[in-house]
Amino acid sequence: MCELCELTISKHKFIITTCVSCNVPMVVSREHKPEFTDAEKAEIQSYFPSRNIRWEMRSEKRHAHCHIGG
């Protein structure tokens, strides 16, 4: 089983956790999929309106995710 799937205790569609590689907050899709939809990106942006969000996924490709910056 995938490490991120093991975090899916809640029924929410996103997981908010800390990236183990760069130690910043990140939002992860609970689904195995390569990218967020435009609607999901807008929803995530609404949670963090004044933060920079890096949508590029570098290492983990099984779950869409983004890094939340300052």
C-alpha atoms as a PDB file:
ATOM      1  CA  MET A   1       0.000   0.000   0.000  1.00  0.00           C
ATOM      2  CA  CYS A   2       1.107   3.564  -0.689  1.00  0.00           C
ATOM      3  CA  GLU A   3       2.289   5.720   2.268  1.00  0.00           C
ATOM      4  CA  LEU A   4      -0.116   8.527   1.391  1.00  0.00           C
ATOM      5  CA  CYS A   5      -3.074   6.159   1.217  1.00  0.00           C
ATOM      6  CA  GLU A   6      -2.241   5.094   4.761  1.00  0.00           C
ATOM      7  CA  LEU A   7      -2.846   8.701   5.875  1.00  0.00           C
ATOM      8  CA  THR A   8      -6.411   8.667   4.585  1.00  0.00           C
ATOM      9  CA  ILE A   9      -8.190   8.224   7.901  1.00  0.00           C
ATOM     10  CA  SER A  10     -10.547  11.151   7.325  1.00  0.00           C
ATOM     11  CA  LYS A  11     -13.291  11.353   4.739  1.00  0.00           C
ATOM     12  CA  HIS A  12     -12.109  14.741   3.415  1.00  0.00           C
ATOM     13  CA  LYS A  13     -10.863  14.852  -0.164  1.00  0.00           C
ATOM     14  CA  PHE A  14      -7.533  16.449   0.809  1.00  0.00           C
ATOM     15  CA  ILE A  15      -4.883  15.689   3.402  1.00  0.00           C
ATOM     16  CA  ILE A  16      -2.830  18.543   4.869  1.00  0.00           C
ATOM     17  CA  THR A  17       0.546  17.340   6.034  1.00  0.00           C
ATOM     18  CA  THR A  18       4.237  18.285   6.009  1.00  0.00           C
ATOM     19  CA  CYS A  19       6.449  17.381   3.085  1.00  0.00           C
ATOM     20  CA  VAL A  20       9.173  14.980   4.238  1.00  0.00           C
ATOM     21  CA  SER A  21      11.583  16.296   1.574  1.00  0.00           C
ATOM     22  CA  CYS A  22      11.343  20.061   2.086  1.00  0.00           C
ATOM     23  CA  ASN A  23       9.586  20.354   5.472  1.00  0.00           C
ATOM     24  CA  VAL A  24       6.819  22.726   4.314  1.00  0.00           C
ATOM     25  CA  PRO A  25       3.046  22.267   4.530  1.00  0.00           C
ATOM     26  CA  MET A  26       1.464  20.461   1.621  1.00  0.00           C
ATOM     27  CA  VAL A  27      -2.028  19.545   0.457  1.00  0.00           C
ATOM     28  CA  VAL A  28      -2.414  16.035  -0.949  1.00  0.00           C
ATOM     29  CA  SER A  29      -5.298  14.452  -2.832  1.00  0.00           C
ATOM     30  CA  ARG A  30      -6.686  11.301  -1.241  1.00  0.00           C
ATOM     31  CA  GLU A  31      -7.090   9.850  -4.738  1.00  0.00           C
ATOM     32  CA  HIS A  32      -4.406   8.333  -6.918  1.00  0.00           C
ATOM     33  CA  LYS A  33      -4.328  10.847  -9.768  1.00  0.00           C
ATOM     34  CA  PRO A  34      -1.618  12.879 -11.497  1.00  0.00           C
ATOM     35  CA  GLU A  35      -2.990  16.396 -10.948  1.00  0.00           C
ATOM     36  CA  PHE A  36      -5.696  18.488  -9.322  1.00  0.00           C
ATOM     37  CA  THR A  37      -8.688  19.668 -11.338  1.00  0.00           C
ATOM     38  CA  ASP A  38      -9.109  23.419 -11.848  1.00  0.00           C
ATOM     39  CA  ALA A  39     -11.967  23.354  -9.315  1.00  0.00           C
ATOM     40  CA  GLU A  40      -9.763  21.627  -6.733  1.00  0.00           C
ATOM     41  CA  LYS A  41      -6.978  24.162  -7.318  1.00  0.00           C
ATOM     42  CA  ALA A  42      -9.445  27.009  -6.753  1.00  0.00           C
ATOM     43  CA  GLU A  43     -10.682  25.353  -3.562  1.00  0.00           C
ATOM     44  CA  ILE A  44      -7.154  24.872  -2.221  1.00  0.00           C
ATOM     45  CA  GLN A  45      -6.256  28.466  -3.123  1.00  0.00           C
ATOM     46  CA  SER A  46      -9.314  29.620  -1.132  1.00  0.00           C
ATOM     47  CA  TYR A  47      -7.917  27.855   1.966  1.00  0.00           C
ATOM     48  CA  PHE A  48      -4.587  29.698   1.622  1.00  0.00           C
ATOM     49  CA  PRO A  49      -5.472  33.039  -0.047  1.00  0.00           C
ATOM     50  CA  SER A  50      -2.309  34.947   0.875  1.00  0.00           C
ATOM     51  CA  ARG A  51       0.163  32.100   0.405  1.00  0.00           C
ATOM     52  CA  ASN A  52       2.214  31.064  -2.609  1.00  0.00           C
ATOM     53  CA  ILE A  53       1.294  27.592  -3.803  1.00  0.00           C
ATOM     54  CA  ARG A  54       3.739  25.496  -5.798  1.00  0.00           C
ATOM     55  CA  TRP A  55       1.693  23.155  -7.984  1.00  0.00           C
ATOM     56  CA  GLU A  56       4.702  21.393  -9.523  1.00  0.00           C
ATOM     57  CA  MET A  57       5.106  17.828  -8.291  1.00  0.00           C
ATOM     58  CA  ARG A  58       8.702  16.669  -8.226  1.00  0.00           C
ATOM     59  CA  SER A  59       8.982  13.243  -6.627  1.00  0.00           C
ATOM     60  CA  GLU A  60       5.581  11.837  -5.635  1.00  0.00           C
ATOM     61  CA  LYS A  61       3.517  11.375  -8.807  1.00  0.00           C
ATOM     62  CA  ARG A  62       0.804   8.985  -7.571  1.00  0.00           C
ATOM     63  CA  HIS A  63      -1.144  11.610  -5.604  1.00  0.00           C
ATOM     64  CA  ALA A  64      -1.738  15.142  -6.818  1.00  0.00           C
ATOM     65  CA  HIS A  65      -0.234  17.533  -4.278  1.00  0.00           C
ATOM     66  CA  CYS A  66       1.012  21.073  -3.835  1.00  0.00           C
ATOM     67  CA  HIS A  67       3.392  22.828  -1.471  1.00  0.00           C
ATOM     68  CA  ILE A  68       2.216  25.832   0.535  1.00  0.00           C
ATOM     69  CA  GLY A  69       4.814  28.603   0.765  1.00  0.00           C
ATOM     70  CA  GLY A  70       5.036  31.926   2.550  1.00  0.00           C
END
